[in-house]
Amino acid sequence: MADLFAEHILGRPGFFSGSDARDLYTLDPVSRAGPTFAFDHAYDDRIAQIRIVGAAADLYEQDKETGEVRLVRTWVSKDGSGAALRHFEGSEVRFGEAWRLGEMTFRVTFRTEATRPAQVTVRVKPPGTLAFRRTRFERAIHDLIARNGLEKTQDAVLAVDAAE
């Protein structure tokens, strides 16, 4: 449907299939901070807590024969208490070198009028996956992602073109 929209409405075939069309999210701020990364949520009083419950570190190496960079292995850390990133501390994982943070899962706890707080589990897997149940708090999750630098800024001119 997007291709038809681009071709017939925008008059620009392939508009949504560009190289950056699905390059929406990044975990670079998390990688730079390393195991001590913590979300800033002070701007939203509804957010009570954010726990990082899963993280996957990918090791890439250059193939000596072909010269291609390939994924060698993945180190997965899961911790319901929110210490998933901290498990990489003291390990062989060193972000920014051959290791890259491939995905991260976190739980956002929201204060509500109900007796139990609401929880939303979010998975970010760059370049294009932001997965969570979008029945409640969708705007708050998108704000959290953007304010913490996990959302890539796209070319504003392209966005305006698409909107028009």
C-alpha atoms as a PDB file:
ATOM      1  CA  MET A   1       0.000   0.000   0.000  1.00  0.00           C
ATOM      2  CA  ALA A   2       2.885   2.351   0.807  1.00  0.00           C
ATOM      3  CA  ASP A   3       4.389   1.769  -2.631  1.00  0.00           C
ATOM      4  CA  LEU A   4       1.069   2.564  -4.317  1.00  0.00           C
ATOM      5  CA  PHE A   5       0.683   5.698  -2.189  1.00  0.00           C
ATOM      6  CA  ALA A   6       4.197   6.845  -3.118  1.00  0.00           C
ATOM      7  CA  GLU A   7       3.656   6.201  -6.803  1.00  0.00           C
ATOM      8  CA  HIS A   8       0.118   7.488  -7.339  1.00  0.00           C
ATOM      9  CA  ILE A   9      -0.400  10.122  -4.653  1.00  0.00           C
ATOM     10  CA  LEU A  10       3.106  11.515  -4.143  1.00  0.00           C
ATOM     11  CA  GLY A  11       4.185  10.853  -7.705  1.00  0.00           C
ATOM     12  CA  ARG A  12       7.488   9.529  -6.368  1.00  0.00           C
ATOM     13  CA  PRO A  13       7.842   5.756  -6.901  1.00  0.00           C
ATOM     14  CA  GLY A  14      10.096   4.099  -4.334  1.00  0.00           C
ATOM     15  CA  PHE A  15       9.748   6.999  -1.875  1.00  0.00           C
ATOM     16  CA  PHE A  16       9.277   4.663   1.116  1.00  0.00           C
ATOM     17  CA  SER A  17      11.841   2.084   0.033  1.00  0.00           C
ATOM     18  CA  GLY A  18      14.915   4.278   0.396  1.00  0.00           C
ATOM     19  CA  SER A  19      17.890   3.091   2.406  1.00  0.00           C
ATOM     20  CA  ASP A  20      16.860   5.121   5.470  1.00  0.00           C
ATOM     21  CA  ALA A  21      13.103   4.516   5.251  1.00  0.00           C
ATOM     22  CA  ARG A  22      13.251   1.819   7.915  1.00  0.00           C
ATOM     23  CA  ASP A  23      16.282   3.119   9.817  1.00  0.00           C
ATOM     24  CA  LEU A  24      14.229   4.471  12.703  1.00  0.00           C
ATOM     25  CA  TYR A  25      15.832   3.445  15.994  1.00  0.00           C
ATOM     26  CA  THR A  26      19.290   3.235  17.519  1.00  0.00           C
ATOM     27  CA  LEU A  27      20.838   1.862  20.690  1.00  0.00           C
ATOM     28  CA  ASP A  28      23.996   3.966  20.322  1.00  0.00           C
ATOM     29  CA  PRO A  29      23.283   6.096  23.442  1.00  0.00           C
ATOM     30  CA  VAL A  30      22.959   2.898  25.472  1.00  0.00           C
ATOM     31  CA  SER A  31      26.173   1.484  24.012  1.00  0.00           C
ATOM     32  CA  ARG A  32      28.060   4.711  24.755  1.00  0.00           C
ATOM     33  CA  ALA A  33      26.890   4.708  28.376  1.00  0.00           C
ATOM     34  CA  GLY A  34      27.524   0.985  28.699  1.00  0.00           C
ATOM     35  CA  PRO A  35      26.192  -1.124  31.575  1.00  0.00           C
ATOM     36  CA  THR A  36      25.382   1.962  33.647  1.00  0.00           C
ATOM     37  CA  PHE A  37      22.808   3.321  31.185  1.00  0.00           C
ATOM     38  CA  ALA A  38      19.577   4.480  32.818  1.00  0.00           C
ATOM     39  CA  PHE A  39      16.543   6.062  31.190  1.00  0.00           C
ATOM     40  CA  ASP A  40      15.749   9.675  31.989  1.00  0.00           C
ATOM     41  CA  HIS A  41      12.035   9.833  32.749  1.00  0.00           C
ATOM     42  CA  ALA A  42      11.884  12.762  35.167  1.00  0.00           C
ATOM     43  CA  TYR A  43       9.813  14.760  32.650  1.00  0.00           C
ATOM     44  CA  ASP A  44       6.828  12.362  32.996  1.00  0.00           C
ATOM     45  CA  ASP A  45       5.287  12.031  36.479  1.00  0.00           C
ATOM     46  CA  ARG A  46       3.257   9.018  35.366  1.00  0.00           C
ATOM     47  CA  ILE A  47       6.384   6.879  34.947  1.00  0.00           C
ATOM     48  CA  ALA A  48       7.265   5.271  38.253  1.00  0.00           C
ATOM     49  CA  GLN A  49      10.117   3.027  37.126  1.00  0.00           C
ATOM     50  CA  ILE A  50      11.941   1.608  34.106  1.00  0.00           C
ATOM     51  CA  ARG A  51      13.717  -1.732  34.348  1.00  0.00           C
ATOM     52  CA  ILE A  52      15.972  -3.059  31.585  1.00  0.00           C
ATOM     53  CA  VAL A  53      15.031  -6.737  31.607  1.00  0.00           C
ATOM     54  CA  GLY A  54      16.793  -7.981  28.475  1.00  0.00           C
ATOM     55  CA  ALA A  55      19.762  -7.092  26.302  1.00  0.00           C
ATOM     56  CA  ALA A  56      21.645  -8.816  23.497  1.00  0.00           C
ATOM     57  CA  ALA A  57      25.264  -7.999  22.699  1.00  0.00           C
ATOM     58  CA  ASP A  58      26.453  -9.048  19.233  1.00  0.00           C
ATOM     59  CA  LEU A  59      30.100  -9.755  18.423  1.00  0.00           C
ATOM     60  CA  TYR A  60      31.160  -8.928  14.862  1.00  0.00           C
ATOM     61  CA  GLU A  61      34.442  -9.909  13.238  1.00  0.00           C
ATOM     62  CA  GLN A  62      35.906  -9.376   9.816  1.00  0.00           C
ATOM     63  CA  ASP A  63      36.286 -12.555   7.775  1.00  0.00           C
ATOM     64  CA  LYS A  64      39.986 -12.870   6.868  1.00  0.00           C
ATOM     65  CA  GLU A  65      39.236 -14.468   3.494  1.00  0.00           C
ATOM     66  CA  THR A  66      36.350 -12.354   2.185  1.00  0.00           C
ATOM     67  CA  GLY A  67      36.856  -9.173   4.197  1.00  0.00           C
ATOM     68  CA  GLU A  68      33.148  -9.120   5.078  1.00  0.00           C
ATOM     69  CA  VAL A  69      32.046  -8.261   8.590  1.00  0.00           C
ATOM     70  CA  ARG A  70      29.916 -11.031  10.029  1.00  0.00           C
ATOM     71  CA  LEU A  71      28.099 -11.839  13.245  1.00  0.00           C
ATOM     72  CA  VAL A  72      30.133 -14.337  15.250  1.00  0.00           C
ATOM     73  CA  ARG A  73      27.982 -14.775  18.347  1.00  0.00           C
ATOM     74  CA  THR A  74      25.410 -13.130  20.590  1.00  0.00           C
ATOM     75  CA  TRP A  75      25.529 -12.809  24.364  1.00  0.00           C
ATOM     76  CA  VAL A  76      22.006 -12.533  25.803  1.00  0.00           C
ATOM     77  CA  SER A  77      21.331 -11.183  29.269  1.00  0.00           C
ATOM     78  CA  LYS A  78      17.915 -11.388  30.950  1.00  0.00           C
ATOM     79  CA  ASP A  79      17.061 -10.180  34.425  1.00  0.00           C
ATOM     80  CA  GLY A  80      13.545  -9.396  35.643  1.00  0.00           C
ATOM     81  CA  SER A  81      14.907  -7.110  38.348  1.00  0.00           C
ATOM     82  CA  GLY A  82      16.221  -4.681  35.727  1.00  0.00           C
ATOM     83  CA  ALA A  83      19.928  -5.499  35.809  1.00  0.00           C
ATOM     84  CA  ALA A  84      20.206  -7.039  32.332  1.00  0.00           C
ATOM     85  CA  LEU A  85      22.675  -4.433  31.064  1.00  0.00           C
ATOM     86  CA  ARG A  86      24.730  -4.520  34.249  1.00  0.00           C
ATOM     87  CA  HIS A  87      25.490  -8.215  33.656  1.00  0.00           C
ATOM     88  CA  PHE A  88      27.798  -7.144  30.811  1.00  0.00           C
ATOM     89  CA  GLU A  89      29.996  -5.293  33.309  1.00  0.00           C
ATOM     90  CA  GLY A  90      33.110  -7.328  33.996  1.00  0.00           C
ATOM     91  CA  SER A  91      32.434  -9.586  31.003  1.00  0.00           C
ATOM     92  CA  GLU A  92      34.217  -9.770  27.659  1.00  0.00           C
ATOM     93  CA  VAL A  93      31.587  -7.439  26.159  1.00  0.00           C
ATOM     94  CA  ARG A  94      33.019  -4.013  25.320  1.00  0.00           C
ATOM     95  CA  PHE A  95      30.558  -1.875  23.400  1.00  0.00           C
ATOM     96  CA  GLY A  96      32.072   0.335  20.741  1.00  0.00           C
ATOM     97  CA  GLU A  97      34.730  -2.167  19.784  1.00  0.00           C
ATOM     98  CA  ALA A  98      33.683  -5.375  18.022  1.00  0.00           C
ATOM     99  CA  TRP A  99      30.620  -5.654  20.271  1.00  0.00           C
ATOM    100  CA  ARG A 100      27.332  -3.932  19.430  1.00  0.00           C
ATOM    101  CA  LEU A 101      24.116  -3.803  21.395  1.00  0.00           C
ATOM    102  CA  GLY A 102      21.702  -5.583  19.068  1.00  0.00           C
ATOM    103  CA  GLU A 103      18.480  -5.267  21.041  1.00  0.00           C
ATOM    104  CA  MET A 104      17.100  -4.252  24.405  1.00  0.00           C
ATOM    105  CA  THR A 105      13.897  -5.019  26.288  1.00  0.00           C
ATOM    106  CA  PHE A 106      12.619  -2.883  29.142  1.00  0.00           C
ATOM    107  CA  ARG A 107       9.524  -2.571  31.325  1.00  0.00           C
ATOM    108  CA  VAL A 108       7.967   0.781  32.022  1.00  0.00           C
ATOM    109  CA  THR A 109       5.802   0.979  35.147  1.00  0.00           C
ATOM    110  CA  PHE A 110       3.145   3.697  35.059  1.00  0.00           C
ATOM    111  CA  ARG A 111       1.329   5.152  38.036  1.00  0.00           C
ATOM    112  CA  THR A 112      -2.433   4.862  37.535  1.00  0.00           C
ATOM    113  CA  GLU A 113      -5.616   5.288  39.526  1.00  0.00           C
ATOM    114  CA  ALA A 114      -5.928   1.499  39.727  1.00  0.00           C
ATOM    115  CA  THR A 115      -4.689  -0.445  42.736  1.00  0.00           C
ATOM    116  CA  ARG A 116      -1.875  -1.968  40.666  1.00  0.00           C
ATOM    117  CA  PRO A 117       0.433   0.126  38.486  1.00  0.00           C
ATOM    118  CA  ALA A 118       0.334  -0.552  34.735  1.00  0.00           C
ATOM    119  CA  GLN A 119       3.340  -2.116  33.023  1.00  0.00           C
ATOM    120  CA  VAL A 120       4.353  -1.902  29.380  1.00  0.00           C
ATOM    121  CA  THR A 121       7.118  -4.143  28.037  1.00  0.00           C
ATOM    122  CA  VAL A 122       9.028  -2.579  25.141  1.00  0.00           C
ATOM    123  CA  ARG A 123      11.546  -4.167  22.778  1.00  0.00           C
ATOM    124  CA  VAL A 124      13.864  -2.045  20.641  1.00  0.00           C
ATOM    125  CA  LYS A 125      15.804  -3.763  17.884  1.00  0.00           C
ATOM    126  CA  PRO A 126      17.382  -1.375  15.416  1.00  0.00           C
ATOM    127  CA  PRO A 127      17.072  -0.398  12.726  1.00  0.00           C
ATOM    128  CA  GLY A 128      13.296  -0.659  12.518  1.00  0.00           C
ATOM    129  CA  THR A 129      11.703  -2.516  15.422  1.00  0.00           C
ATOM    130  CA  LEU A 130       9.917  -0.878  18.331  1.00  0.00           C
ATOM    131  CA  ALA A 131       7.540  -3.486  19.710  1.00  0.00           C
ATOM    132  CA  PHE A 132       5.034  -3.059  22.526  1.00  0.00           C
ATOM    133  CA  ARG A 133       1.320  -3.430  23.122  1.00  0.00           C
ATOM    134  CA  ARG A 134      -0.100  -0.172  21.825  1.00  0.00           C
ATOM    135  CA  THR A 135      -3.373  -0.179  23.715  1.00  0.00           C
ATOM    136  CA  ARG A 136      -2.230   2.263  26.411  1.00  0.00           C
ATOM    137  CA  PHE A 137       0.581   4.755  26.932  1.00  0.00           C
ATOM    138  CA  GLU A 138       1.663   4.722  23.269  1.00  0.00           C
ATOM    139  CA  ARG A 139       2.472   8.443  23.238  1.00  0.00           C
ATOM    140  CA  ALA A 140       4.428   8.154  26.517  1.00  0.00           C
ATOM    141  CA  ILE A 141       6.533   5.281  25.147  1.00  0.00           C
ATOM    142  CA  HIS A 142       7.334   7.171  21.947  1.00  0.00           C
ATOM    143  CA  ASP A 143       8.274  10.262  23.997  1.00  0.00           C
ATOM    144  CA  LEU A 144      10.517   8.144  26.234  1.00  0.00           C
ATOM    145  CA  ILE A 145      12.289   6.642  23.220  1.00  0.00           C
ATOM    146  CA  ALA A 146      12.773  10.033  21.560  1.00  0.00           C
ATOM    147  CA  ARG A 147      13.890  11.902  24.701  1.00  0.00           C
ATOM    148  CA  ASN A 148      16.513   9.268  25.453  1.00  0.00           C
ATOM    149  CA  GLY A 149      18.007   9.434  21.960  1.00  0.00           C
ATOM    150  CA  LEU A 150      16.844   6.021  20.769  1.00  0.00           C
ATOM    151  CA  GLU A 151      14.823   7.406  17.860  1.00  0.00           C
ATOM    152  CA  LYS A 152      16.716   8.559  14.786  1.00  0.00           C
ATOM    153  CA  THR A 153      15.711  11.886  13.342  1.00  0.00           C
ATOM    154  CA  GLN A 154      14.625  11.613   9.740  1.00  0.00           C
ATOM    155  CA  ASP A 155      14.922  14.222   7.055  1.00  0.00           C
ATOM    156  CA  ALA A 156      12.173  16.728   7.877  1.00  0.00           C
ATOM    157  CA  VAL A 157      11.700  17.648   4.211  1.00  0.00           C
ATOM    158  CA  LEU A 158      10.878  14.033   3.349  1.00  0.00           C
ATOM    159  CA  ALA A 159       8.393  13.832   6.207  1.00  0.00           C
ATOM    160  CA  VAL A 160       6.679  17.026   5.076  1.00  0.00           C
ATOM    161  CA  ASP A 161       6.547  15.730   1.493  1.00  0.00           C
ATOM    162  CA  ALA A 162       4.890  12.529   2.666  1.00  0.00           C
ATOM    163  CA  ALA A 163       2.411  14.381   4.862  1.00  0.00           C
ATOM    164  CA  GLU A 164       1.383  16.720   2.064  1.00  0.00           C
END
